[in-house]
């Protein structure tokens, strides 16, 4: 199998969707489908069960191939990347995963780190809010910018980058849009989302389980990603709190954002796997501490 074919197979094994795989790899769906069919002919076995065209699944043979190829591919990719960076005089890469979408707001940290350490490359990546710590534990990222609290025994909580006021996202035309701001008591009248693979304490910090008056704030609708959350908000099925940067980074004609008057700001900090701490991570933490927390932009 050629390196590009391995990349297509592993990406499809992760996404389990031809369209998303094609989008990630910047190729057509037809090319992905042809590459997988060619691999299956060469190997003499099916890699994916396509009985349900809307949702494919790995076959037992496909799962074994994925498990065998992942470390080999990751090692080869890292070797090639190190060689490419060494040719540019770069000796190491620090990968930072972002739960919030406003990486641009944090550029004082990024620019200061780069100016202090030109021999190191800083790479900023989006991190999913579903199973967010998995990337740290797999070694996909070295540092995660995460909202607090983080109560994981294997993860170190570093300095705070920002603490943002919170807003409530509702459908345009929602009855709450008649108000200039809302309270948690008002929020308790509506449904909120929850995620299957996330620590419960995150949801308790992101939105309290009870209003100040003791009413249960219902978090009952299971979601898979933020795009699904936004779609459900736009149809009026749920309301959802967000940090205030969403007003600037995700303006939408079908969604309105309302200040929440009686909820504390949401703090974001740099966190990392304790056993993976190294000079690069310590240097980024030192940069954040030296500059101090940012003032939220509204």
Protein backbone atom coordinates (compact mmCIF):
# COMPACT_ATOMS: atom_id res chain seq x y z
CA UNK A 1 0.00 0.00 0.00
CA UNK A 2 1.27 3.46 -0.85
CA UNK A 3 1.51 6.10 1.87
CA UNK A 4 -1.45 8.08 0.46
CA UNK A 5 -3.59 4.92 0.36
CA UNK A 6 -2.73 4.21 4.00
CA UNK A 7 -3.69 7.79 4.90
CA UNK A 8 -7.04 7.40 3.12
CA UNK A 9 -7.77 4.09 4.83
CA UNK A 10 -6.90 5.37 8.32
CA UNK A 11 -8.86 8.58 7.85
CA UNK A 12 -11.92 6.68 6.67
CA UNK A 13 -11.49 4.27 9.58
CA UNK A 14 -11.69 7.28 11.90
CA UNK A 15 -14.48 9.21 10.18
CA UNK A 16 -16.54 6.23 8.93
CA UNK A 17 -17.94 8.59 6.31
CA UNK A 18 -16.73 9.02 2.72
CA UNK A 19 -17.76 12.68 2.50
CA UNK A 20 -15.97 13.77 5.67
CA UNK A 21 -12.90 11.74 4.70
CA UNK A 22 -12.76 13.39 1.28
CA UNK A 23 -13.15 16.83 2.85
CA UNK A 24 -10.33 16.22 5.34
CA UNK A 25 -7.98 14.97 2.64
CA UNK A 26 -9.05 17.55 0.02
CA UNK A 27 -9.94 14.91 -2.58
CA UNK A 28 -13.17 13.73 -4.17
CA UNK A 29 -15.37 11.05 -2.60
CA UNK A 30 -14.90 9.00 -5.76
CA UNK A 31 -11.14 8.97 -5.25
CA UNK A 32 -11.52 7.76 -1.67
CA UNK A 33 -13.96 5.05 -2.74
CA UNK A 34 -11.69 3.91 -5.57
CA UNK A 35 -8.64 3.79 -3.29
CA UNK A 36 -10.45 1.68 -0.68
CA UNK A 37 -11.83 -0.70 -3.33
CA UNK A 38 -8.34 -1.08 -4.79
CA UNK A 39 -6.92 -1.89 -1.35
CA UNK A 40 -9.62 -4.49 -0.75
CA UNK A 41 -8.91 -6.19 -4.09
CA UNK A 42 -5.18 -6.32 -3.33
CA UNK A 43 -5.70 -7.66 0.19
CA UNK A 44 -8.48 -10.06 -0.79
CA UNK A 45 -10.87 -9.01 1.97
CA UNK A 46 -13.39 -6.29 2.75
CA UNK A 47 -12.17 -3.47 4.99
CA UNK A 48 -15.55 -1.78 5.49
CA UNK A 49 -19.11 -3.00 5.77
CA UNK A 50 -21.14 -0.79 3.41
CA UNK A 51 -24.53 -2.47 3.90
CA UNK A 52 -25.87 0.79 5.33
CA UNK A 53 -24.79 3.48 2.89
CA UNK A 54 -25.42 6.25 5.44
CA UNK A 55 -23.12 4.70 8.04
CA UNK A 56 -20.24 2.37 7.18
CA UNK A 57 -18.39 0.16 9.68
CA UNK A 58 -15.00 -1.49 9.83
CA UNK A 59 -15.01 -5.24 9.34
CA UNK A 60 -12.98 -7.36 11.81
CA UNK A 61 -10.23 -7.53 9.15
CA UNK A 62 -10.42 -3.75 8.73
CA UNK A 63 -10.11 -3.18 12.48
CA UNK A 64 -7.02 -5.37 12.68
CA UNK A 65 -5.42 -3.59 9.72
CA UNK A 66 -6.20 -0.22 11.30
CA UNK A 67 -4.63 -1.26 14.61
CA UNK A 68 -1.53 -2.61 12.83
CA UNK A 69 -1.09 0.38 10.52
CA UNK A 70 -1.72 3.27 12.94
CA UNK A 71 1.60 3.12 14.84
CA UNK A 72 3.56 2.38 11.66
CA UNK A 73 1.99 5.29 9.79
CA UNK A 74 2.36 7.68 12.74
CA UNK A 75 6.02 6.78 13.12
CA UNK A 76 6.76 7.22 9.42
CA UNK A 77 4.85 10.51 9.28
CA UNK A 78 6.71 11.84 12.32
CA UNK A 79 10.07 10.79 10.87
CA UNK A 80 9.37 12.60 7.61
CA UNK A 81 8.13 15.67 9.46
CA UNK A 82 11.23 15.80 11.68
CA UNK A 83 13.45 15.55 8.61
CA UNK A 84 11.56 18.37 6.89
CA UNK A 85 11.76 20.62 9.95
CA UNK A 86 15.43 19.82 10.54
CA UNK A 87 16.15 21.05 7.03
CA UNK A 88 14.58 24.38 8.11
CA UNK A 89 16.60 24.55 11.33
CA UNK A 90 13.62 23.60 13.53
CA UNK A 91 14.47 21.07 16.21
CA UNK A 92 11.03 20.32 17.75
CA UNK A 93 7.29 20.97 17.38
CA UNK A 94 4.81 21.90 20.11
CA UNK A 95 1.22 20.99 19.15
CA UNK A 96 -1.53 22.91 20.93
CA UNK A 97 -5.13 21.73 20.71
CA UNK A 98 -7.88 24.35 21.11
CA UNK A 99 -11.31 23.66 22.57
CA UNK A 100 -12.39 27.29 22.03
CA UNK A 101 -12.47 28.50 18.42
CA UNK A 102 -10.77 31.85 19.08
CA UNK A 103 -7.11 30.85 18.67
CA UNK A 104 -6.54 34.23 16.99
CA UNK A 105 -7.32 36.03 20.27
CA UNK A 106 -4.42 34.20 21.90
CA UNK A 107 -1.84 35.41 19.38
CA UNK A 108 0.12 37.41 22.06
CA UNK A 109 1.02 34.05 23.61
CA UNK A 110 1.81 32.41 20.28
CA UNK A 111 3.88 35.34 18.98
CA UNK A 112 5.85 35.68 22.23
CA UNK A 113 6.58 31.96 22.34
CA UNK A 114 7.78 31.98 18.72
CA UNK A 115 9.98 35.03 19.24
CA UNK A 116 11.56 33.52 22.36
CA UNK A 117 12.08 30.08 20.79
CA UNK A 118 12.71 30.38 17.04
CA UNK A 119 14.24 26.89 17.02
CA UNK A 120 10.83 25.39 17.88
CA UNK A 121 7.70 25.28 15.78
CA UNK A 122 4.30 26.01 17.33
CA UNK A 123 1.33 24.31 15.68
CA UNK A 124 -2.26 25.21 16.66
CA UNK A 125 -5.01 22.64 16.09
CA UNK A 126 -8.74 22.40 16.71
CA UNK A 127 -9.72 19.89 19.40
CA UNK A 128 -13.18 18.28 19.66
CA UNK A 129 -15.18 18.80 22.84
CA UNK A 130 -16.28 15.15 22.70
CA UNK A 131 -13.64 13.03 24.46
CA UNK A 132 -11.35 16.06 24.48
CA UNK A 133 -8.56 14.53 26.58
CA UNK A 134 -8.14 11.60 24.18
CA UNK A 135 -5.87 13.67 21.93
CA UNK A 136 -3.51 14.35 24.82
CA UNK A 137 -3.50 10.72 25.86
CA UNK A 138 -2.90 9.46 22.30
CA UNK A 139 -0.11 11.97 21.79
CA UNK A 140 -1.91 13.83 18.98
CA UNK A 141 -1.39 17.13 20.84
CA UNK A 142 1.04 18.15 23.57
CA UNK A 143 -1.03 20.87 25.23
CA UNK A 144 -4.79 21.40 25.31
CA UNK A 145 -6.46 24.76 25.88
CA UNK A 146 -9.41 23.55 27.93
CA UNK A 147 -12.14 25.11 30.00
CA UNK A 148 -11.90 24.52 33.73
CA UNK A 149 -12.16 22.58 35.88
CA UNK A 150 -10.02 19.66 34.74
CA UNK A 151 -10.01 16.86 37.31
CA UNK A 152 -8.03 14.10 35.61
CA UNK A 153 -5.34 12.29 37.65
CA UNK A 154 -2.93 12.05 34.73
CA UNK A 155 -3.28 15.65 33.53
CA UNK A 156 -1.52 18.76 34.86
CA UNK A 157 -3.49 22.02 34.93
CA UNK A 158 -1.32 24.95 33.91
CA UNK A 159 -1.88 28.71 33.79
CA UNK A 160 -5.16 30.39 32.83
CA UNK A 161 -5.21 32.16 29.47
CA UNK A 162 -8.59 33.89 29.71
CA UNK A 163 -11.85 33.97 31.67
CA UNK A 164 -14.79 34.88 29.44
CA UNK A 165 -18.32 36.07 30.25
CA UNK A 166 -21.00 33.70 29.05
CA UNK A 167 -23.90 34.09 26.67
CA UNK A 168 -26.90 31.97 25.78
CA UNK A 169 -27.37 30.89 22.16
CA UNK A 170 -31.01 30.67 21.08
CA UNK A 171 -32.84 30.49 17.77
CA UNK A 172 -33.45 33.81 16.04
CA UNK A 173 -37.01 34.74 16.90
CA UNK A 174 -36.96 32.66 20.11
CA UNK A 175 -39.17 34.09 22.86
CA UNK A 176 -36.07 34.90 24.94
CA UNK A 177 -34.84 37.31 22.26
CA UNK A 178 -37.43 39.80 23.52
CA UNK A 179 -35.10 40.26 26.50
CA UNK A 180 -31.76 42.08 26.57
CA UNK A 181 -30.26 39.40 28.85
CA UNK A 182 -31.26 36.19 30.64
CA UNK A 183 -30.81 34.45 33.98
CA UNK A 184 -30.22 30.81 34.88
CA UNK A 185 -33.79 30.68 36.18
CA UNK A 186 -35.00 31.46 32.65
CA UNK A 187 -32.61 28.91 31.13
CA UNK A 188 -34.15 26.17 33.30
CA UNK A 189 -37.35 26.41 31.20
CA UNK A 190 -35.60 24.94 28.15
CA UNK A 191 -33.66 21.86 27.02
CA UNK A 192 -29.86 21.85 26.82
CA UNK A 193 -27.54 19.37 25.13
CA UNK A 194 -25.20 16.84 26.67
CA UNK A 195 -22.39 14.72 25.21
CA UNK A 196 -21.78 11.02 25.63
CA UNK A 197 -18.02 11.03 26.18
CA UNK A 198 -17.23 13.95 28.47
CA UNK A 199 -16.70 14.24 32.23
CA UNK A 200 -19.86 15.13 34.15
CA UNK A 201 -18.05 17.84 36.09
CA UNK A 202 -17.53 19.73 32.83
CA UNK A 203 -21.25 20.10 32.30
CA UNK A 204 -21.77 21.13 35.91
CA UNK A 205 -19.18 23.88 35.42
CA UNK A 206 -20.38 24.90 31.97
CA UNK A 207 -24.00 25.20 33.12
CA UNK A 208 -25.05 24.37 36.71
CA UNK A 209 -27.38 21.38 37.14
CA UNK A 210 -29.77 23.56 39.16
CA UNK A 211 -30.92 27.16 38.90
CA UNK A 212 -30.48 29.55 41.87
CA UNK A 213 -34.12 28.81 42.71
CA UNK A 214 -33.46 25.05 42.84
CA UNK A 215 -35.04 24.12 39.50
CA UNK A 216 -33.38 21.32 37.53
CA UNK A 217 -31.69 22.56 34.35
CA UNK A 218 -32.41 19.75 31.89
CA UNK A 219 -29.46 18.47 29.82
CA UNK A 220 -31.08 15.67 27.94
CA UNK A 221 -30.37 15.87 24.21
CA UNK A 222 -27.30 13.84 23.23
CA UNK A 223 -25.06 15.54 20.65
CA UNK A 224 -21.96 14.46 18.74
CA UNK A 225 -20.26 17.77 17.90
CA UNK A 226 -20.63 21.54 17.96
CA UNK A 227 -22.06 21.67 14.43
CA UNK A 228 -24.94 19.50 15.61
CA UNK A 229 -25.44 21.75 18.64
CA UNK A 230 -25.68 24.85 16.42
CA UNK A 231 -28.15 23.11 14.11
CA UNK A 232 -30.39 22.18 17.04
CA UNK A 233 -30.20 25.70 18.45
CA UNK A 234 -31.20 27.18 15.11
CA UNK A 235 -34.37 25.05 14.99
CA UNK A 236 -35.35 25.99 18.53
CA UNK A 237 -34.95 22.47 19.97
CA UNK A 238 -32.34 23.53 22.53
CA UNK A 239 -30.63 26.56 24.01
CA UNK A 240 -26.94 26.48 24.89
CA UNK A 241 -24.49 28.63 26.86
CA UNK A 242 -21.24 29.63 25.17
CA UNK A 243 -18.25 31.84 25.98
CA UNK A 244 -18.68 35.34 24.62
CA UNK A 245 -16.19 34.92 21.75
CA UNK A 246 -18.89 33.01 19.84
CA UNK A 247 -20.53 36.36 19.02
CA UNK A 248 -17.50 37.29 16.91
CA UNK A 249 -16.38 33.87 15.67
CA UNK A 250 -19.75 32.26 14.92
CA UNK A 251 -22.24 34.95 13.90
CA UNK A 252 -25.27 33.36 12.23
CA UNK A 253 -28.53 34.84 10.96
CA UNK A 254 -30.50 31.97 12.53
CA UNK A 255 -28.98 32.26 16.03
CA UNK A 256 -29.08 35.06 18.62
CA UNK A 257 -26.71 35.44 21.58
CA UNK A 258 -27.96 36.83 24.92
CA UNK A 259 -25.81 37.72 27.97
CA UNK A 260 -26.35 35.50 31.03
CA UNK A 261 -26.45 37.82 34.04
CA UNK A 262 -25.89 35.42 36.93
CA UNK A 263 -23.18 32.99 35.87
CA UNK A 264 -19.44 33.20 36.48
CA UNK A 265 -16.98 33.68 33.59
CA UNK A 266 -15.66 30.51 31.96
CA UNK A 267 -11.90 30.13 32.49
CA UNK A 268 -9.62 28.42 29.96
CA UNK A 269 -6.22 27.02 30.92
CA UNK A 270 -3.36 25.15 29.30
CA UNK A 271 -3.33 21.50 30.39
CA UNK A 272 -1.06 18.60 29.48
CA UNK A 273 -0.38 14.97 30.28
CA UNK A 274 1.84 15.00 33.36
CA UNK A 275 4.24 12.30 32.21
CA UNK A 276 4.74 14.06 28.86
CA UNK A 277 5.86 17.41 30.32
CA UNK A 278 9.02 18.65 28.60
CA UNK A 279 10.99 21.83 27.89
CA UNK A 280 8.57 22.99 25.18
CA UNK A 281 5.51 22.65 27.40
CA UNK A 282 7.25 24.39 30.28
CA UNK A 283 8.31 27.20 27.95
CA UNK A 284 4.74 27.76 26.75
CA UNK A 285 3.44 27.71 30.34
CA UNK A 286 6.09 30.25 31.32
CA UNK A 287 5.10 32.48 28.40
CA UNK A 288 1.43 32.40 29.47
CA UNK A 289 2.33 33.18 33.09
CA UNK A 290 4.62 36.05 32.07
CA UNK A 291 1.93 37.71 29.95
CA UNK A 292 -0.91 36.92 32.36
CA UNK A 293 -4.57 36.23 31.48
CA UNK A 294 -6.01 38.11 28.52
CA UNK A 295 -8.90 40.55 28.78
CA UNK A 296 -11.90 39.11 26.89
CA UNK A 297 -12.87 40.94 23.72
CA UNK A 298 -16.60 41.55 23.25
